Amino acid sequence: MKKIVLMSFALFALVLNAQVSKNEIAKRLGSYKVVKLTTDISNLTPYQQAGLKHLLDAARVMDDLFYEQSYGPRALVDSIKDDKTRAFAQINYGPWDRLNDMQPFLKGIGPKPKGANFYPKDMLAAEFDSLKDPKKKDPYTVIVRDEKGQLKVVPYSEHYMQLHMAAASLRMAAIALGEDTSFAKFLRLRAEALITNDYDASDRAWLDLKDNAFDIIIGPIENYEDQLYGIRTSFEAYVLVKDMVWSKKLEKYVQYLPELQKGLPVDKKYKSEQAGSSSQLNAYDIIYYAGDCNAGSKTIAVNLPNDEKLQLEKGTRRSQLKNSIRAKYENIMVPIAKELIDTAQLKHITFDAFFSTIMFHEVAHGLGIKNTVNGKGTVKDALGADYSALEEGKADILGLYMITQLHDKKVLQEGQLMDYYVTFMAGIFRSVRFGASSAHGKANMIRFNYFKENGAFTRNDKTGRYTINFEKMKLAMTSLSALILQLQGDGDVEGVKNLLKEKGAIMPELQKDLDKLSAKNIPVDIIFEQGADVLGLNSTSTQPLQPMEPKNMPTPPFPIIR
């Protein structure tokens, strides 16, 4: 391992001597808007402040781990001498531009391996197919070569020893926050999961949380980075402070999921499953991003856990990151709309509509079907690496379907229905800028081209502005929803590939409009000032704390690191 790292440093030194122009790097840095992530901590007890610091410590470990998965040791990026180049590489967790189809921005660096660092770079598909280990498709493992050069499956808990540091920090947080016994129990179980590679118990405990003021999403979660097979999960963390008022406001929508599932515009065999009854819908201020969710385009809403069986049994939690959503709305969505949406329809761009399209995107992940109707296994397994793009497309279009249904039922009463349709269209321009390397970017390209073919909007060639045709967009929404649900239910690999090929590309006319946004210096996404200093945690004085550890709680099989 040491030899490989030294060789990597030598290669990187060569790259630094041949980097692209500083002006180009500065231009790309300018496509991100800096946002400060903070919240009011004045009412936190000393125990809560200490617990929050430990949560931040655990999250930072996820950052280091994602570097390892995506590119290599973090030191390779941090060693770049030019400040702007280093900053841009830190945003991308490596030398590939995540908002530019993963193109390398340092000369001497080739294409990003589709399997990232989850598989040997020289691994052949036939080798993987012939590997007999039943764990080869375990999402919490890597594939390496043994001393004889043969493929070998290694669990994350063995491959990434830094997990012990994160687990220890979670356990310390559990001690400080022991007054909240349910949250402390979850933290201990999650710490244990990082060491045992078994996340089921901690996922269940997390879904059972109801009234916790803080939250943390942490561990190997999403599989976007594995573009070879779509199997391996990437490390990430979100540290969250719950907005109790907004969460109370949102909880009413969950009860309509069974009714909405039943009414999906598709044959009944594609909607025969029913999500678990423990689904939640909450709003948070996020105070720290780390790892996968912080790479390139930033996540602003989350629907977890991803385990299909657990989703059907207990449901999911949809977490809306309200302060990040507000930042993207004000700094990106509104400026885009002012450039590209017909002036007569600009009044329909609203924050409530933007928040709702994002929220119902996450809720819509729970609709449809998780298992194919023809015995091909789960939809995820059947579609492989193309699953993510289609699933994100499903969530987008079914989110608009849900909004339409709930607004017609007068359950969703904020604004006019046209507000949601126009804001949804403006949201396509926002997300399509993430590029073809992003599952969300691909999903938006498909939807834009499908809407165009079905007359959902018209474009004024003189002004370059788009006008939404409500009735045609509604029809297109319905037919695209049915198409995606059927492709998923059938596990139709070829059908999905054809859809991506035919409609997953940015056409010259749209590219011209996107270039216009860049020329106006409208940010593509946001980056953060975050951490204990930003929150003011390091300026607070706290006395040494006595453990508040509740009794009868599971103890992980490792010592506390103090």
Protein backbone atom coordinates (compact mmCIF):
# COMPACT_ATOMS: atom_id res chain seq x y z
CA MET A 1 0.00 0.00 0.00
CA LYS A 2 2.79 2.44 0.90
CA LYS A 3 4.51 1.83 -2.42
CA ILE A 4 1.34 2.60 -4.33
CA VAL A 5 0.82 5.85 -2.42
CA LEU A 6 4.38 7.02 -3.10
CA MET A 7 3.99 6.28 -6.79
CA SER A 8 0.74 8.25 -6.79
CA PHE A 9 2.45 11.26 -5.21
CA ALA A 10 5.15 11.13 -7.88
CA LEU A 11 2.56 11.03 -10.64
CA PHE A 12 0.65 13.89 -9.07
CA ALA A 13 3.79 16.02 -8.93
CA LEU A 14 4.13 15.59 -12.69
CA VAL A 15 0.52 16.57 -13.16
CA LEU A 16 0.92 19.78 -11.19
CA ASN A 17 3.55 20.95 -13.64
CA ALA A 18 1.11 20.56 -16.51
CA GLN A 19 -2.18 21.89 -15.08
CA VAL A 20 -4.68 23.78 -17.19
CA SER A 21 -4.65 27.56 -17.06
CA LYS A 22 -5.32 29.31 -13.78
CA ASN A 23 -7.90 31.46 -15.55
CA GLU A 24 -9.88 28.37 -16.52
CA ILE A 25 -9.73 27.00 -12.97
CA ALA A 26 -10.85 30.38 -11.61
CA LYS A 27 -13.75 30.41 -14.08
CA ARG A 28 -14.89 26.96 -12.95
CA LEU A 29 -14.57 27.91 -9.30
CA GLY A 30 -16.84 30.83 -10.07
CA SER A 31 -19.62 28.42 -11.01
CA TYR A 32 -20.11 27.70 -7.30
CA LYS A 33 -21.70 30.07 -4.78
CA VAL A 34 -20.25 30.03 -1.26
CA VAL A 35 -22.91 29.54 1.44
CA LYS A 36 -22.37 29.58 5.21
CA LEU A 37 -24.01 26.64 7.01
CA THR A 38 -25.07 27.69 10.47
CA THR A 39 -27.96 27.60 12.90
CA ASP A 40 -28.82 29.05 16.30
CA ILE A 41 -26.99 27.10 19.02
CA SER A 42 -27.58 29.58 21.84
CA ASN A 43 -30.10 27.33 23.58
CA LEU A 44 -28.02 24.15 23.43
CA THR A 45 -26.98 22.61 26.72
CA PRO A 46 -23.28 21.85 27.32
CA TYR A 47 -24.07 18.19 26.69
CA GLN A 48 -25.74 18.99 23.38
CA GLN A 49 -22.81 21.17 22.30
CA ALA A 50 -20.37 18.38 23.15
CA GLY A 51 -22.52 15.84 21.32
CA LEU A 52 -22.69 18.07 18.26
CA LYS A 53 -18.89 18.37 18.17
CA HIS A 54 -18.56 14.57 18.24
CA LEU A 55 -21.06 14.27 15.38
CA LEU A 56 -18.92 16.68 13.36
CA ASP A 57 -15.83 14.61 14.17
CA ALA A 58 -17.51 11.47 12.86
CA ALA A 59 -18.66 13.28 9.71
CA ARG A 60 -15.14 14.45 8.86
CA VAL A 61 -13.98 10.83 8.75
CA MET A 62 -16.55 10.18 6.01
CA ASP A 63 -14.88 12.93 4.01
CA ASP A 64 -11.51 11.17 4.14
CA LEU A 65 -13.09 7.82 3.29
CA PHE A 66 -14.87 9.18 0.22
CA TYR A 67 -11.57 10.56 -1.08
CA GLU A 68 -10.21 7.01 -0.82
CA GLN A 69 -13.17 5.59 -2.70
CA SER A 70 -13.34 8.24 -5.40
CA TYR A 71 -9.69 8.97 -6.15
CA GLY A 72 -7.07 8.26 -3.52
CA PRO A 73 -5.69 9.58 -0.22
CA ARG A 74 -6.90 13.08 0.61
CA ALA A 75 -3.27 14.17 0.89
CA LEU A 76 -2.94 13.90 -2.90
CA VAL A 77 -5.43 16.72 -3.33
CA ASP A 78 -4.41 18.75 -0.29
CA SER A 79 -0.80 18.80 -1.54
CA ILE A 80 -1.63 20.85 -4.66
CA LYS A 81 0.33 24.09 -4.36
CA ASP A 82 -1.87 26.44 -6.38
CA ASP A 83 -4.69 27.62 -4.10
CA LYS A 84 -7.45 27.75 -6.70
CA THR A 85 -6.55 24.45 -8.30
CA ARG A 86 -6.46 22.82 -4.88
CA ALA A 87 -9.82 24.34 -3.96
CA PHE A 88 -11.40 23.08 -7.19
CA ALA A 89 -9.98 19.59 -6.69
CA GLN A 90 -11.36 19.59 -3.13
CA ILE A 91 -14.84 20.44 -4.42
CA ASN A 92 -14.62 17.50 -6.84
CA TYR A 93 -12.82 15.09 -4.50
CA GLY A 94 -10.23 14.51 -7.18
CA PRO A 95 -9.04 15.75 -10.60
CA TRP A 96 -12.31 15.19 -12.50
CA ASP A 97 -14.89 17.95 -12.94
CA ARG A 98 -18.18 16.54 -11.67
CA LEU A 99 -20.25 19.26 -13.32
CA ASN A 100 -18.53 18.75 -16.68
CA ASP A 101 -19.17 15.06 -17.38
CA MET A 102 -16.23 14.01 -15.18
CA GLN A 103 -13.69 15.50 -17.56
CA PRO A 104 -10.17 15.67 -16.08
CA PHE A 105 -9.07 19.24 -15.39
CA LEU A 106 -5.42 18.37 -14.78
CA LYS A 107 -3.36 17.27 -17.77
CA GLY A 108 -1.85 13.83 -17.42
CA ILE A 109 -4.98 12.48 -15.74
CA GLY A 110 -7.06 10.11 -17.83
CA PRO A 111 -10.79 9.36 -17.65
CA LYS A 112 -12.21 8.55 -14.24
CA PRO A 113 -12.54 4.76 -13.87
CA LYS A 114 -16.21 3.80 -13.95
CA GLY A 115 -15.65 1.60 -10.93
CA ALA A 116 -13.79 4.36 -9.05
CA ASN A 117 -11.63 2.61 -6.42
CA PHE A 118 -14.15 -0.11 -5.69
CA TYR A 119 -12.53 -2.53 -8.17
CA PRO A 120 -9.05 -3.16 -9.57
CA LYS A 121 -8.46 -0.84 -12.53
CA ASP A 122 -7.46 -3.80 -14.72
CA MET A 123 -10.40 -6.02 -13.77
CA LEU A 124 -12.20 -7.64 -16.69
CA ALA A 125 -15.95 -8.18 -16.70
CA ALA A 126 -15.38 -11.91 -17.22
CA GLU A 127 -13.24 -12.00 -14.09
CA PHE A 128 -15.97 -10.45 -11.99
CA ASP A 129 -18.60 -12.73 -13.50
CA SER A 130 -16.56 -15.84 -12.71
CA LEU A 131 -15.79 -14.81 -9.12
CA LYS A 132 -17.55 -17.37 -6.91
CA ASP A 133 -17.67 -15.40 -3.66
CA PRO A 134 -21.37 -14.88 -2.73
CA LYS A 135 -20.44 -11.49 -1.23
CA LYS A 136 -19.20 -10.05 -4.53
CA LYS A 137 -22.38 -7.97 -4.86
CA ASP A 138 -22.44 -6.90 -1.24
CA PRO A 139 -22.72 -3.06 -1.27
CA TYR A 140 -20.40 -2.79 1.74
CA THR A 141 -17.38 -4.50 0.16
CA VAL A 142 -14.56 -3.74 -2.26
CA ILE A 143 -12.98 -6.02 -4.84
CA VAL A 144 -9.18 -6.24 -4.66
CA ARG A 145 -6.47 -8.59 -5.88
CA ASP A 146 -4.86 -11.01 -3.45
CA GLU A 147 -1.14 -11.85 -3.33
CA LYS A 148 -1.66 -14.22 -6.27
CA GLY A 149 -3.39 -11.62 -8.39
CA GLN A 150 -6.84 -13.20 -8.01
CA LEU A 151 -9.98 -11.19 -7.23
CA LYS A 152 -10.91 -11.06 -3.58
CA VAL A 153 -13.89 -9.55 -1.71
CA VAL A 154 -12.99 -7.44 1.33
CA PRO A 155 -15.61 -5.87 3.66
CA TYR A 156 -15.48 -2.11 4.21
CA SER A 157 -14.96 -2.66 7.94
CA GLU A 158 -11.67 -4.41 7.15
CA HIS A 159 -10.55 -2.32 4.19
CA TYR A 160 -11.16 1.11 5.76
CA MET A 161 -9.64 1.15 9.22
CA GLN A 162 -10.60 4.83 9.70
CA LEU A 163 -14.11 3.56 10.39
CA HIS A 164 -13.00 2.88 13.95
CA MET A 165 -12.38 6.61 14.41
CA ALA A 166 -15.87 7.50 13.18
CA ALA A 167 -17.42 4.81 15.35
CA ALA A 168 -15.63 6.10 18.42
CA SER A 169 -16.88 9.65 17.75
CA LEU A 170 -20.46 8.41 17.39
CA ARG A 171 -20.17 6.58 20.67
CA MET A 172 -18.85 9.71 22.38
CA ALA A 173 -21.79 11.64 20.94
CA ALA A 174 -24.14 9.00 22.35
CA ILE A 175 -22.64 9.54 25.81
CA ALA A 176 -23.04 13.31 25.62
CA LEU A 177 -26.60 13.06 24.23
CA GLY A 178 -27.62 10.20 26.50
CA GLU A 179 -30.56 12.22 27.77
CA ASP A 180 -32.24 11.48 24.44
CA THR A 181 -32.18 7.72 24.87
CA SER A 182 -33.61 6.88 21.43
CA PHE A 183 -31.08 9.00 19.57
CA ALA A 184 -28.22 7.75 21.76
CA LYS A 185 -29.29 4.18 21.04
CA PHE A 186 -29.25 4.86 17.32
CA LEU A 187 -25.78 6.42 17.53
CA ARG A 188 -24.41 3.36 19.31
CA LEU A 189 -26.00 0.99 16.83
CA ARG A 190 -24.64 3.02 13.92
CA ALA A 191 -21.19 2.98 15.49
CA GLU A 192 -21.44 -0.79 15.77
CA ALA A 193 -22.58 -1.07 12.14
CA LEU A 194 -19.46 0.74 10.93
CA ILE A 195 -17.41 -2.03 12.53
CA THR A 196 -19.57 -5.06 11.75
CA ASN A 197 -20.73 -4.10 8.21
CA ASP A 198 -24.33 -4.86 9.22
CA TYR A 199 -26.52 -1.75 8.99
CA ASP A 200 -29.99 -3.26 9.42
CA ALA A 201 -30.42 -2.70 13.17
CA SER A 202 -29.20 0.90 13.03
CA ASP A 203 -31.42 1.66 10.00
CA ARG A 204 -34.40 0.36 11.95
CA ALA A 205 -33.49 2.40 15.02
CA TRP A 206 -33.10 5.49 12.84
CA LEU A 207 -36.55 5.03 11.31
CA ASP A 208 -38.02 4.77 14.82
CA LEU A 209 -36.70 8.22 15.81
CA LYS A 210 -39.45 10.82 16.07
CA ASP A 211 -38.65 13.76 18.31
CA ASN A 212 -34.86 14.06 18.20
CA ALA A 213 -33.61 17.66 17.90
CA PHE A 214 -30.44 16.54 16.07
CA ASP A 215 -29.91 13.96 13.40
CA ILE A 216 -27.00 12.46 11.51
CA ILE A 217 -27.04 10.46 8.30
CA ILE A 218 -23.71 8.68 8.17
CA GLY A 219 -22.05 5.69 6.56
CA PRO A 220 -21.82 4.01 3.16
CA ILE A 221 -25.14 4.95 1.56
CA GLU A 222 -25.55 5.90 -2.11
CA ASN A 223 -24.14 3.98 -5.09
CA TYR A 224 -23.82 6.82 -7.66
CA GLU A 225 -20.01 6.64 -7.59
CA ASP A 226 -20.01 3.02 -8.77
CA GLN A 227 -20.84 3.60 -12.43
CA LEU A 228 -19.51 0.19 -13.40
CA TYR A 229 -22.13 -1.97 -11.68
CA GLY A 230 -24.08 0.44 -9.48
CA ILE A 231 -23.45 -1.81 -6.46
CA ARG A 232 -20.86 -0.31 -4.12
CA THR A 233 -21.91 2.39 -1.67
CA SER A 234 -20.04 5.61 -0.94
CA PHE A 235 -19.31 7.18 2.42
CA GLU A 236 -21.06 10.39 3.34
CA ALA A 237 -22.50 12.28 6.29
CA TYR A 238 -25.09 14.98 6.96
CA VAL A 239 -25.27 16.62 10.39
CA LEU A 240 -28.75 18.07 10.87
CA VAL A 241 -30.79 20.21 13.23
CA LYS A 242 -34.50 19.51 13.01
CA ASP A 243 -36.99 22.27 12.23
CA MET A 244 -39.87 21.13 14.42
CA VAL A 245 -42.37 23.66 13.04
CA TRP A 246 -41.81 22.80 9.38
CA SER A 247 -41.66 19.07 10.11
CA LYS A 248 -45.06 19.26 11.78
CA LYS A 249 -46.37 21.10 8.74
CA LEU A 250 -45.14 18.39 6.36
CA GLU A 251 -46.16 15.23 8.21
CA LYS A 252 -49.74 15.32 6.92
CA TYR A 253 -48.67 14.35 3.39
CA VAL A 254 -47.36 10.90 4.31
CA GLN A 255 -50.83 9.53 5.00
CA TYR A 256 -51.76 9.97 1.33
CA LEU A 257 -49.04 7.62 0.03
CA PRO A 258 -51.27 4.50 -0.20
CA GLU A 259 -53.93 6.42 -2.12
CA LEU A 260 -51.37 7.97 -4.47
CA GLN A 261 -49.72 4.59 -5.08
CA LYS A 262 -53.09 3.10 -5.97
CA GLY A 263 -53.80 5.91 -8.44
CA LEU A 264 -50.53 5.75 -10.39
CA PRO A 265 -51.20 5.98 -14.17
CA VAL A 266 -50.01 2.44 -14.95
CA ASP A 267 -51.28 -1.15 -14.99
CA LYS A 268 -51.99 -2.47 -11.48
CA LYS A 269 -49.15 -5.01 -11.62
CA TYR A 270 -46.67 -2.13 -11.62
CA LYS A 271 -48.13 -0.64 -8.43
CA SER A 272 -48.99 -3.77 -6.45
CA GLU A 273 -46.46 -3.08 -3.68
CA GLN A 274 -47.15 -0.85 -0.71
CA ALA A 275 -44.54 1.12 1.22
CA GLY A 276 -44.21 0.64 4.97
CA SER A 277 -46.34 2.72 7.32
CA SER A 278 -43.48 4.34 9.25
CA SER A 279 -42.58 6.83 6.52
CA GLN A 280 -41.67 10.31 7.78
CA LEU A 281 -41.35 13.71 6.17
CA ASN A 282 -39.14 16.17 8.06
CA ALA A 283 -37.39 19.51 7.51
CA TYR A 284 -33.92 20.33 8.80
CA ASP A 285 -31.20 22.92 8.78
CA ILE A 286 -28.04 21.17 7.68
CA ILE A 287 -24.83 22.25 9.40
CA TYR A 288 -22.31 19.86 7.84
CA TYR A 289 -21.88 17.91 4.59
CA ALA A 290 -19.18 15.29 4.08
CA GLY A 291 -18.25 12.79 1.39
CA ASP A 292 -20.48 11.79 -1.49
CA CYS A 293 -23.28 14.28 -0.76
CA ASN A 294 -20.70 17.09 -0.78
CA ALA A 295 -19.04 16.15 -4.09
CA GLY A 296 -19.86 18.36 -7.07
CA SER A 297 -23.58 19.14 -6.96
CA LYS A 298 -24.84 19.23 -3.36
CA THR A 299 -27.72 17.12 -2.10
CA ILE A 300 -30.65 19.14 -0.75
CA ALA A 301 -33.09 16.33 0.12
CA VAL A 302 -32.67 12.70 1.11
CA ASN A 303 -34.88 9.60 1.09
CA LEU A 304 -33.47 6.71 3.14
CA PRO A 305 -32.79 3.90 3.81
CA ASN A 306 -32.19 2.44 0.36
CA ASP A 307 -32.81 -1.19 1.34
CA GLU A 308 -35.90 -2.27 -0.63
CA LYS A 309 -37.06 -4.83 1.93
CA LEU A 310 -36.85 -2.33 4.76
CA GLN A 311 -38.67 0.28 2.69
CA LEU A 312 -41.59 -2.10 2.15
CA GLU A 313 -41.59 -3.19 5.78
CA LYS A 314 -41.09 0.11 7.65
CA GLY A 315 -41.04 2.89 5.08
CA THR A 316 -38.47 5.65 4.74
CA ARG A 317 -37.58 9.06 6.10
CA ARG A 318 -37.60 11.97 3.69
CA SER A 319 -35.34 14.74 4.92
CA GLN A 320 -35.65 18.22 3.38
CA LEU A 321 -32.56 20.39 3.93
CA LYS A 322 -34.38 23.69 4.15
CA ASN A 323 -31.47 26.11 4.40
CA SER A 324 -29.69 24.53 1.41
CA ILE A 325 -32.92 24.54 -0.59
CA ARG A 326 -33.33 28.25 0.18
CA ALA A 327 -29.73 28.93 -0.89
CA LYS A 328 -30.20 27.19 -4.24
CA TYR A 329 -33.53 28.90 -4.82
CA GLU A 330 -32.24 32.41 -4.21
CA ASN A 331 -28.83 32.09 -5.84
CA ILE A 332 -29.60 29.76 -8.75
CA MET A 333 -33.28 29.11 -9.45
CA VAL A 334 -34.51 32.69 -9.50
CA PRO A 335 -31.65 33.97 -11.72
CA ILE A 336 -32.17 31.07 -14.15
CA ALA A 337 -35.90 31.76 -14.36
CA LYS A 338 -35.28 35.44 -15.05
CA GLU A 339 -33.15 34.48 -18.05
CA LEU A 340 -35.08 31.57 -19.55
CA ILE A 341 -38.75 31.62 -18.47
CA ASP A 342 -41.31 33.69 -20.36
CA THR A 343 -41.74 37.01 -18.53
CA ALA A 344 -45.50 36.51 -18.31
CA GLN A 345 -44.95 33.28 -16.36
CA LEU A 346 -42.22 34.51 -14.00
CA LYS A 347 -44.84 35.19 -11.34
CA HIS A 348 -45.24 31.40 -11.04
CA ILE A 349 -41.67 30.91 -9.78
CA THR A 350 -42.05 30.57 -5.99
CA PHE A 351 -40.06 29.17 -3.10
CA ASP A 352 -43.02 27.09 -1.88
CA ALA A 353 -43.28 25.44 -5.31
CA PHE A 354 -39.51 24.81 -5.44
CA PHE A 355 -39.51 23.34 -1.95
CA SER A 356 -42.48 21.12 -2.79
CA THR A 357 -41.02 19.77 -6.05
CA ILE A 358 -37.90 18.76 -4.14
CA MET A 359 -39.87 17.34 -1.23
CA PHE A 360 -42.21 15.27 -3.36
CA HIS A 361 -39.27 14.04 -5.44
CA GLU A 362 -38.06 12.30 -2.28
CA VAL A 363 -41.51 11.07 -1.35
CA ALA A 364 -41.97 9.68 -4.86
CA HIS A 365 -38.98 7.37 -4.43
CA GLY A 366 -41.35 5.31 -2.29
CA LEU A 367 -43.94 4.97 -5.07
CA GLY A 368 -43.95 2.45 -7.88
CA ILE A 369 -42.34 -0.94 -7.57
CA LYS A 370 -39.14 -2.29 -6.00
CA ASN A 371 -39.28 -5.81 -7.44
CA THR A 372 -39.70 -6.67 -11.12
CA VAL A 373 -42.97 -8.24 -12.22
CA ASN A 374 -41.29 -11.00 -14.25
CA GLY A 375 -38.93 -12.66 -11.79
CA LYS A 376 -35.79 -10.67 -12.64
CA GLY A 377 -35.25 -9.75 -8.99
CA THR A 378 -35.22 -6.22 -7.67
CA VAL A 379 -35.44 -3.33 -10.11
CA LYS A 380 -32.05 -2.16 -8.88
CA ASP A 381 -30.37 -5.49 -9.57
CA ALA A 382 -32.10 -5.91 -12.93
CA LEU A 383 -31.10 -2.49 -14.30
CA GLY A 384 -27.59 -2.35 -12.85
CA ALA A 385 -25.58 0.81 -13.49
CA ASP A 386 -28.51 2.50 -15.32
CA TYR A 387 -30.82 2.13 -12.33
CA SER A 388 -29.89 5.40 -10.64
CA ALA A 389 -30.62 7.67 -13.60
CA LEU A 390 -34.02 6.06 -14.23
CA GLU A 391 -34.92 6.07 -10.53
CA GLU A 392 -34.10 9.77 -10.23
CA GLY A 393 -36.20 10.41 -13.32
CA LYS A 394 -39.06 8.45 -11.77
CA ALA A 395 -38.87 10.45 -8.55
CA ASP A 396 -38.88 13.76 -10.43
CA ILE A 397 -41.88 13.02 -12.63
CA LEU A 398 -43.91 11.21 -9.96
CA GLY A 399 -43.19 14.09 -7.59
CA LEU A 400 -45.00 16.40 -10.01
CA TYR A 401 -47.76 13.79 -10.35
CA MET A 402 -48.19 13.77 -6.55
CA ILE A 403 -48.29 17.57 -6.43
CA THR A 404 -51.00 17.58 -9.10
CA GLN A 405 -53.10 15.00 -7.28
CA LEU A 406 -52.77 16.61 -3.85
CA HIS A 407 -53.47 20.08 -5.21
CA ASP A 408 -56.59 18.82 -6.97
CA LYS A 409 -57.71 17.27 -3.66
CA LYS A 410 -57.01 20.64 -1.96
CA VAL A 411 -54.59 18.92 0.43
CA LEU A 412 -51.72 20.98 -0.97
CA GLN A 413 -53.13 24.48 -0.81
CA GLU A 414 -50.15 26.78 -1.25
CA GLY A 415 -50.21 28.71 -4.52
CA GLN A 416 -51.62 27.86 -7.93
CA LEU A 417 -50.96 24.54 -9.66
CA MET A 418 -49.31 26.50 -12.47
CA ASP A 419 -46.69 27.67 -9.93
CA TYR A 420 -45.49 24.10 -9.56
CA TYR A 421 -45.37 23.38 -13.29
CA VAL A 422 -43.42 26.52 -14.20
CA THR A 423 -41.06 26.10 -11.25
CA PHE A 424 -40.61 22.43 -12.18
CA MET A 425 -39.60 23.44 -15.69
CA ALA A 426 -37.10 26.00 -14.38
CA GLY A 427 -35.76 23.25 -12.13
CA ILE A 428 -34.91 21.17 -15.20
CA PHE A 429 -32.55 23.92 -16.39
CA ARG A 430 -30.96 24.00 -12.95
CA SER A 431 -30.35 20.25 -12.70
CA VAL A 432 -29.43 19.53 -16.32
CA ARG A 433 -26.34 21.67 -15.75
CA PHE A 434 -24.97 18.89 -13.50
CA GLY A 435 -24.00 17.03 -16.67
CA ALA A 436 -24.18 13.50 -18.04
CA SER A 437 -22.00 12.02 -15.28
CA SER A 438 -24.73 12.77 -12.74
CA ALA A 439 -27.78 10.53 -12.37
CA HIS A 440 -29.86 13.65 -11.70
CA GLY A 441 -28.41 15.35 -14.78
CA LYS A 442 -29.29 12.39 -17.03
CA ALA A 443 -32.80 12.25 -15.59
CA ASN A 444 -33.39 15.90 -16.38
CA MET A 445 -32.06 15.57 -19.92
CA ILE A 446 -34.52 12.74 -20.58
CA ARG A 447 -37.40 14.75 -19.19
CA PHE A 448 -36.52 17.92 -21.09
CA ASN A 449 -36.35 16.09 -24.43
CA TYR A 450 -39.52 14.11 -23.70
CA PHE A 451 -41.40 17.30 -22.78
CA LYS A 452 -40.13 18.99 -25.92
CA GLU A 453 -41.31 16.15 -28.17
CA ASN A 454 -44.75 16.27 -26.52
CA GLY A 455 -45.22 20.03 -26.71
CA ALA A 456 -45.05 20.65 -22.96
CA PHE A 457 -43.31 23.95 -23.71
CA THR A 458 -42.43 26.22 -26.58
CA ARG A 459 -39.27 28.25 -27.03
CA ASN A 460 -39.24 31.76 -28.47
CA ASP A 461 -36.34 31.76 -30.92
CA LYS A 462 -35.90 35.53 -30.63
CA THR A 463 -35.81 35.80 -26.84
CA GLY A 464 -34.66 32.29 -25.95
CA ARG A 465 -37.43 32.11 -23.35
CA TYR A 466 -39.65 29.13 -22.62
CA THR A 467 -43.42 29.13 -22.19
CA ILE A 468 -45.10 26.21 -20.45
CA ASN A 469 -48.25 24.68 -21.95
CA PHE A 470 -50.02 23.41 -18.84
CA GLU A 471 -52.34 20.85 -20.44
CA LYS A 472 -49.68 19.30 -22.69
CA MET A 473 -47.17 19.21 -19.85
CA LYS A 474 -49.71 17.41 -17.69
CA LEU A 475 -50.26 14.81 -20.42
CA ALA A 476 -46.52 14.39 -20.93
CA MET A 477 -46.04 13.99 -17.18
CA THR A 478 -48.61 11.19 -17.12
CA SER A 479 -47.24 9.29 -20.12
CA LEU A 480 -43.61 9.60 -18.99
CA SER A 481 -44.59 8.36 -15.53
CA ALA A 482 -46.16 5.27 -17.07
CA LEU A 483 -43.16 4.65 -19.35
CA ILE A 484 -40.63 4.77 -16.50
CA LEU A 485 -42.73 2.63 -14.16
CA GLN A 486 -43.09 -0.03 -16.86
CA LEU A 487 -39.37 -0.03 -17.68
CA GLN A 488 -38.61 -0.51 -13.99
CA GLY A 489 -41.23 -3.16 -13.42
CA ASP A 490 -40.10 -5.14 -16.46
CA GLY A 491 -36.42 -4.78 -15.58
CA ASP A 492 -36.07 -3.73 -19.23
CA VAL A 493 -32.33 -3.12 -19.58
CA GLU A 494 -32.40 -2.50 -23.33
CA GLY A 495 -35.40 -0.22 -23.05
CA VAL A 496 -33.63 1.91 -20.44
CA LYS A 497 -30.42 2.06 -22.48
CA ASN A 498 -32.40 3.16 -25.55
CA LEU A 499 -34.18 5.85 -23.53
CA LEU A 500 -30.86 7.17 -22.21
CA LYS A 501 -29.32 7.09 -25.68
CA GLU A 502 -32.24 8.78 -27.44
CA LYS A 503 -33.16 11.39 -24.84
CA GLY A 504 -30.25 11.57 -22.41
CA ALA A 505 -28.18 14.10 -24.38
CA ILE A 506 -28.09 17.89 -24.39
CA MET A 507 -29.03 19.16 -27.85
CA PRO A 508 -27.27 22.23 -29.37
CA GLU A 509 -30.22 24.55 -28.78
CA LEU A 510 -30.39 23.73 -25.09
CA GLN A 511 -26.61 23.97 -24.77
CA LYS A 512 -26.81 27.48 -26.21
CA ASP A 513 -29.26 28.42 -23.45
CA LEU A 514 -27.08 26.84 -20.77
CA ASP A 515 -24.07 28.75 -22.10
CA LYS A 516 -26.14 31.90 -21.72
CA LEU A 517 -26.55 31.13 -18.01
CA SER A 518 -22.81 30.65 -17.64
CA ALA A 519 -22.14 33.93 -19.44
CA LYS A 520 -24.38 35.65 -16.91
CA ASN A 521 -22.27 34.11 -14.09
CA ILE A 522 -25.23 32.26 -12.63
CA PRO A 523 -23.83 29.63 -10.25
CA VAL A 524 -24.27 25.98 -11.14
CA ASP A 525 -24.21 24.93 -7.51
CA ILE A 526 -23.16 25.86 -3.99
CA ILE A 527 -20.22 25.14 -1.70
CA PHE A 528 -20.02 25.64 2.02
CA GLU A 529 -18.31 27.35 4.88
CA GLN A 530 -19.08 24.85 7.61
CA GLY A 531 -17.89 23.27 10.85
CA ALA A 532 -17.50 23.99 14.55
CA ASP A 533 -15.92 27.42 14.01
CA VAL A 534 -18.74 28.57 11.72
CA LEU A 535 -21.31 27.40 14.26
CA GLY A 536 -19.47 29.10 17.11
CA LEU A 537 -19.02 25.83 18.95
CA ASN A 538 -15.30 26.40 19.48
CA SER A 539 -15.97 29.75 21.13
CA THR A 540 -18.26 28.26 23.78
CA SER A 541 -16.75 27.25 27.10
CA THR A 542 -17.84 23.93 28.48
CA GLN A 543 -16.75 22.16 31.62
CA PRO A 544 -15.70 18.50 31.49
CA LEU A 545 -18.87 16.44 31.20
CA GLN A 546 -19.88 13.43 33.23
CA PRO A 547 -21.24 10.56 31.11
CA MET A 548 -25.01 10.56 30.70
CA GLU A 549 -24.94 7.06 29.23
CA PRO A 550 -28.33 5.33 29.63
CA LYS A 551 -28.48 1.80 30.89
CA ASN A 552 -29.36 -1.33 28.91
CA MET A 553 -27.96 -0.08 25.62
CA PRO A 554 -26.03 -2.25 23.16
CA THR A 555 -22.27 -1.87 23.46
CA PRO A 556 -20.16 -2.02 20.29
CA PRO A 557 -17.27 -4.48 20.29
CA PHE A 558 -14.56 -1.83 20.49
CA PRO A 559 -13.19 0.53 23.16
CA ILE A 560 -13.95 4.21 23.47
CA ILE A 561 -11.13 6.35 22.11
CA ARG A 562 -10.72 9.43 24.31
